[in-house]
Amino acid sequence: MKAAFISYNQTHVEDIEEILNQLGIRGFTRWLDTQGRGTADGEPHYGTHAWPAKNMATLAIVDENIAPILKKRIQALDREQPSHGLRIFFWETCDV
């Protein structure tokens, strides 16, 4: 199992949910208002008057075989609208 953390502009919320549904990823946790800016050249997303864009984040635990498919789908969505900001990160999970 892998933990998939997806950080994205709020405009992607329906796209992210659709991808999760299509891949059969039912369980997730979503944060509605996160702030940040891109590593190299992304504009800040602070939800302020100066920087009004807002981010969201979703965490889902996915099967090893689903992780690369999820990564490709997220990257494809990012290529469609690169200025919006969309990233996915994976961590190994451990059984408790």
N, C-alpha and C. Protein backbone atom coordinates (compact mmCIF):
# COMPACT_ATOMS: atom_id res chain seq x y z
N MET A 1 0.84 -1.19 0.00
CA MET A 1 0.00 0.00 0.00
C MET A 1 0.88 1.24 0.00
N LYS A 2 0.35 2.30 -0.62
CA LYS A 2 1.05 3.58 -0.66
C LYS A 2 0.08 4.67 -0.24
N ALA A 3 0.63 5.68 0.44
CA ALA A 3 -0.13 6.87 0.75
C ALA A 3 0.09 7.85 -0.39
N ALA A 4 -1.00 8.29 -1.01
CA ALA A 4 -0.94 9.25 -2.11
C ALA A 4 -1.44 10.59 -1.60
N PHE A 5 -0.59 11.60 -1.60
CA PHE A 5 -0.95 12.95 -1.18
C PHE A 5 -1.02 13.81 -2.44
N ILE A 6 -2.18 14.38 -2.70
CA ILE A 6 -2.39 15.20 -3.88
C ILE A 6 -2.69 16.62 -3.42
N SER A 7 -1.90 17.58 -3.88
CA SER A 7 -2.10 18.99 -3.59
C SER A 7 -2.49 19.67 -4.89
N TYR A 8 -3.56 20.48 -4.87
CA TYR A 8 -4.09 21.00 -6.13
C TYR A 8 -4.88 22.29 -5.92
N ASN A 9 -4.97 23.06 -7.00
CA ASN A 9 -5.81 24.25 -7.04
C ASN A 9 -7.26 23.80 -6.89
N GLN A 10 -8.05 24.59 -6.20
CA GLN A 10 -9.44 24.22 -5.94
C GLN A 10 -10.25 23.99 -7.22
N THR A 11 -9.79 24.52 -8.34
CA THR A 11 -10.50 24.30 -9.60
C THR A 11 -10.45 22.83 -10.04
N HIS A 12 -9.54 22.05 -9.48
CA HIS A 12 -9.39 20.64 -9.86
C HIS A 12 -10.21 19.68 -9.01
N VAL A 13 -10.98 20.16 -8.06
CA VAL A 13 -11.62 19.26 -7.09
C VAL A 13 -12.49 18.20 -7.78
N GLU A 14 -13.28 18.57 -8.75
CA GLU A 14 -14.14 17.59 -9.42
C GLU A 14 -13.32 16.61 -10.26
N ASP A 15 -12.25 17.11 -10.90
CA ASP A 15 -11.38 16.25 -11.69
C ASP A 15 -10.70 15.20 -10.81
N ILE A 16 -10.21 15.62 -9.64
CA ILE A 16 -9.54 14.70 -8.72
C ILE A 16 -10.52 13.64 -8.24
N GLU A 17 -11.71 14.07 -7.86
CA GLU A 17 -12.71 13.12 -7.38
C GLU A 17 -13.10 12.13 -8.49
N GLU A 18 -13.20 12.61 -9.72
CA GLU A 18 -13.52 11.72 -10.84
C GLU A 18 -12.43 10.69 -11.07
N ILE A 19 -11.17 11.11 -11.00
CA ILE A 19 -10.06 10.17 -11.16
C ILE A 19 -10.09 9.11 -10.07
N LEU A 20 -10.29 9.53 -8.82
CA LEU A 20 -10.37 8.57 -7.72
C LEU A 20 -11.51 7.58 -7.94
N ASN A 21 -12.66 8.08 -8.35
CA ASN A 21 -13.81 7.20 -8.60
C ASN A 21 -13.51 6.21 -9.72
N GLN A 22 -12.94 6.70 -10.81
CA GLN A 22 -12.65 5.83 -11.95
C GLN A 22 -11.66 4.72 -11.59
N LEU A 23 -10.74 5.01 -10.67
CA LEU A 23 -9.74 4.02 -10.26
C LEU A 23 -10.21 3.17 -9.08
N GLY A 24 -11.43 3.39 -8.63
CA GLY A 24 -11.97 2.60 -7.53
C GLY A 24 -11.37 2.94 -6.18
N ILE A 25 -10.85 4.15 -6.06
CA ILE A 25 -10.28 4.62 -4.79
C ILE A 25 -11.40 5.30 -4.02
N ARG A 26 -11.97 4.58 -3.08
CA ARG A 26 -13.15 5.08 -2.38
C ARG A 26 -12.80 5.94 -1.16
N GLY A 27 -11.88 5.47 -0.33
CA GLY A 27 -11.56 6.17 0.91
C GLY A 27 -10.51 7.25 0.70
N PHE A 28 -10.75 8.42 1.26
CA PHE A 28 -9.76 9.49 1.21
C PHE A 28 -10.09 10.52 2.28
N THR A 29 -9.13 11.37 2.56
CA THR A 29 -9.32 12.52 3.43
C THR A 29 -8.98 13.76 2.63
N ARG A 30 -9.83 14.79 2.71
CA ARG A 30 -9.63 16.02 1.95
C ARG A 30 -9.54 17.21 2.90
N TRP A 31 -8.55 18.05 2.64
CA TRP A 31 -8.42 19.33 3.33
C TRP A 31 -8.88 20.41 2.36
N LEU A 32 -9.80 21.27 2.79
CA LEU A 32 -10.43 22.22 1.89
C LEU A 32 -9.64 23.50 1.65
N ASP A 33 -8.83 23.92 2.55
CA ASP A 33 -8.15 25.21 2.38
C ASP A 33 -6.70 25.07 2.81
N THR A 34 -5.83 24.82 1.84
CA THR A 34 -4.40 24.75 2.12
C THR A 34 -3.71 25.87 1.37
N GLN A 35 -2.58 26.29 1.85
CA GLN A 35 -1.84 27.38 1.23
C GLN A 35 -0.47 26.92 0.81
N GLY A 36 0.06 27.56 -0.23
CA GLY A 36 1.39 27.21 -0.68
C GLY A 36 1.74 27.92 -1.96
N ARG A 37 2.91 27.58 -2.48
CA ARG A 37 3.34 28.10 -3.77
C ARG A 37 4.27 27.08 -4.40
N GLY A 38 4.40 27.15 -5.70
CA GLY A 38 5.20 26.19 -6.44
C GLY A 38 6.68 26.32 -6.14
N THR A 39 7.40 25.23 -6.33
CA THR A 39 8.82 25.19 -6.03
C THR A 39 9.63 26.15 -6.88
N ALA A 40 9.41 26.14 -8.18
CA ALA A 40 10.25 26.94 -9.08
C ALA A 40 9.59 28.25 -9.50
N ASP A 41 8.39 28.17 -10.03
CA ASP A 41 7.81 29.39 -10.58
C ASP A 41 6.31 29.54 -10.32
N GLY A 42 5.75 28.71 -9.50
CA GLY A 42 4.32 28.79 -9.22
C GLY A 42 3.96 30.02 -8.40
N GLU A 43 2.81 30.60 -8.73
CA GLU A 43 2.32 31.74 -7.96
C GLU A 43 1.76 31.25 -6.63
N PRO A 44 1.87 32.08 -5.59
CA PRO A 44 1.32 31.70 -4.29
C PRO A 44 -0.19 31.49 -4.36
N HIS A 45 -0.67 30.56 -3.59
CA HIS A 45 -2.10 30.31 -3.41
C HIS A 45 -2.38 30.49 -1.92
N TYR A 46 -2.68 31.73 -1.56
CA TYR A 46 -2.85 32.07 -0.14
C TYR A 46 -4.28 32.40 0.25
N GLY A 47 -5.18 32.53 -0.72
CA GLY A 47 -6.56 32.88 -0.41
C GLY A 47 -6.69 34.31 0.12
N THR A 48 -5.78 35.19 -0.28
CA THR A 48 -5.82 36.59 0.16
C THR A 48 -6.22 37.48 -1.01
N HIS A 49 -6.37 38.78 -0.74
CA HIS A 49 -6.71 39.72 -1.82
C HIS A 49 -5.59 39.76 -2.86
N ALA A 50 -4.35 39.74 -2.40
CA ALA A 50 -3.22 39.80 -3.33
C ALA A 50 -3.03 38.48 -4.08
N TRP A 51 -3.24 37.37 -3.39
CA TRP A 51 -3.06 36.04 -3.99
C TRP A 51 -4.32 35.22 -3.69
N PRO A 52 -5.41 35.43 -4.47
CA PRO A 52 -6.72 34.86 -4.12
C PRO A 52 -6.89 33.36 -4.36
N ALA A 53 -6.05 32.74 -5.16
CA ALA A 53 -6.23 31.31 -5.43
C ALA A 53 -6.09 30.50 -4.15
N LYS A 54 -6.83 29.39 -4.10
CA LYS A 54 -6.76 28.50 -2.94
C LYS A 54 -6.41 27.10 -3.40
N ASN A 55 -5.76 26.39 -2.52
CA ASN A 55 -5.42 24.99 -2.76
C ASN A 55 -6.28 24.10 -1.90
N MET A 56 -6.31 22.83 -2.28
CA MET A 56 -6.92 21.78 -1.50
C MET A 56 -5.92 20.63 -1.49
N ALA A 57 -6.15 19.66 -0.65
CA ALA A 57 -5.28 18.48 -0.61
C ALA A 57 -6.13 17.26 -0.31
N THR A 58 -5.72 16.14 -0.89
CA THR A 58 -6.40 14.86 -0.67
C THR A 58 -5.36 13.80 -0.36
N LEU A 59 -5.64 12.99 0.63
CA LEU A 59 -4.78 11.87 1.01
C LEU A 59 -5.60 10.59 0.85
N ALA A 60 -5.05 9.64 0.10
CA ALA A 60 -5.70 8.34 -0.08
C ALA A 60 -4.66 7.24 0.04
N ILE A 61 -5.06 6.13 0.60
CA ILE A 61 -4.20 4.95 0.67
C ILE A 61 -4.59 4.05 -0.51
N VAL A 62 -3.59 3.74 -1.37
CA VAL A 62 -3.89 3.02 -2.60
C VAL A 62 -3.03 1.76 -2.71
N ASP A 63 -3.52 0.81 -3.46
CA ASP A 63 -2.75 -0.41 -3.74
C ASP A 63 -1.52 -0.07 -4.56
N GLU A 64 -0.49 -0.87 -4.39
CA GLU A 64 0.78 -0.68 -5.13
C GLU A 64 0.55 -0.62 -6.63
N ASN A 65 -0.34 -1.46 -7.14
CA ASN A 65 -0.55 -1.51 -8.59
C ASN A 65 -1.36 -0.32 -9.12
N ILE A 66 -2.10 0.36 -8.25
CA ILE A 66 -2.89 1.53 -8.66
C ILE A 66 -2.04 2.80 -8.65
N ALA A 67 -1.03 2.85 -7.80
CA ALA A 67 -0.22 4.07 -7.63
C ALA A 67 0.34 4.61 -8.94
N PRO A 68 0.97 3.81 -9.80
CA PRO A 68 1.52 4.37 -11.04
C PRO A 68 0.43 4.87 -11.99
N ILE A 69 -0.73 4.23 -11.98
CA ILE A 69 -1.84 4.69 -12.82
C ILE A 69 -2.36 6.02 -12.32
N LEU A 70 -2.52 6.13 -11.00
CA LEU A 70 -2.96 7.39 -10.40
C LEU A 70 -1.96 8.50 -10.71
N LYS A 71 -0.68 8.22 -10.60
CA LYS A 71 0.35 9.22 -10.90
C LYS A 71 0.24 9.71 -12.34
N LYS A 72 0.08 8.80 -13.28
CA LYS A 72 -0.04 9.19 -14.70
C LYS A 72 -1.28 10.04 -14.95
N ARG A 73 -2.38 9.68 -14.31
CA ARG A 73 -3.62 10.45 -14.50
C ARG A 73 -3.50 11.86 -13.94
N ILE A 74 -2.87 11.98 -12.77
CA ILE A 74 -2.67 13.30 -12.16
C ILE A 74 -1.72 14.14 -13.01
N GLN A 75 -0.65 13.53 -13.48
CA GLN A 75 0.32 14.26 -14.31
C GLN A 75 -0.33 14.71 -15.62
N ALA A 76 -1.19 13.89 -16.21
CA ALA A 76 -1.88 14.27 -17.44
C ALA A 76 -2.80 15.47 -17.20
N LEU A 77 -3.49 15.47 -16.08
CA LEU A 77 -4.35 16.59 -15.72
C LEU A 77 -3.52 17.86 -15.52
N ASP A 78 -2.37 17.73 -14.89
CA ASP A 78 -1.48 18.87 -14.67
C ASP A 78 -1.01 19.45 -16.01
N ARG A 79 -0.72 18.60 -16.98
CA ARG A 79 -0.26 19.07 -18.29
C ARG A 79 -1.35 19.86 -19.02
N GLU A 80 -2.62 19.55 -18.73
CA GLU A 80 -3.73 20.28 -19.36
C GLU A 80 -3.79 21.73 -18.89
N GLN A 81 -3.48 21.97 -17.63
CA GLN A 81 -3.54 23.31 -17.04
C GLN A 81 -2.36 23.52 -16.10
N PRO A 82 -1.15 23.64 -16.64
CA PRO A 82 0.05 23.68 -15.79
C PRO A 82 0.12 24.89 -14.84
N SER A 83 -0.55 25.97 -15.16
CA SER A 83 -0.46 27.16 -14.30
C SER A 83 -1.34 27.04 -13.06
N HIS A 84 -2.23 26.06 -13.00
CA HIS A 84 -3.13 25.93 -11.85
C HIS A 84 -2.45 25.34 -10.62
N GLY A 85 -1.47 24.50 -10.82
CA GLY A 85 -0.79 23.87 -9.70
C GLY A 85 -1.44 22.56 -9.30
N LEU A 86 -0.70 21.48 -9.46
CA LEU A 86 -1.19 20.14 -9.14
C LEU A 86 0.01 19.23 -8.94
N ARG A 87 0.10 18.59 -7.79
CA ARG A 87 1.22 17.69 -7.50
C ARG A 87 0.72 16.46 -6.77
N ILE A 88 1.42 15.36 -6.98
CA ILE A 88 1.12 14.13 -6.24
C ILE A 88 2.43 13.60 -5.66
N PHE A 89 2.35 13.14 -4.43
CA PHE A 89 3.50 12.57 -3.72
C PHE A 89 3.07 11.23 -3.13
N PHE A 90 4.00 10.29 -3.08
CA PHE A 90 3.70 8.97 -2.50
C PHE A 90 4.64 8.68 -1.35
N TRP A 91 4.10 8.01 -0.34
CA TRP A 91 4.88 7.48 0.78
C TRP A 91 4.52 6.02 0.95
N GLU A 92 5.49 5.25 1.41
CA GLU A 92 5.21 3.87 1.77
C GLU A 92 4.40 3.86 3.06
N THR A 93 3.48 2.93 3.17
CA THR A 93 2.71 2.80 4.40
C THR A 93 3.22 1.57 5.16
N CYS A 94 2.89 1.52 6.42
CA CYS A 94 3.26 0.34 7.19
C CYS A 94 2.00 -0.19 7.88
N ASP A 95 1.95 -1.48 8.06
CA ASP A 95 0.81 -2.09 8.72
C ASP A 95 0.92 -1.87 10.22
N VAL A 96 -0.18 -1.60 10.83
CA VAL A 96 -0.21 -1.38 12.27
C VAL A 96 -0.92 -2.52 12.94
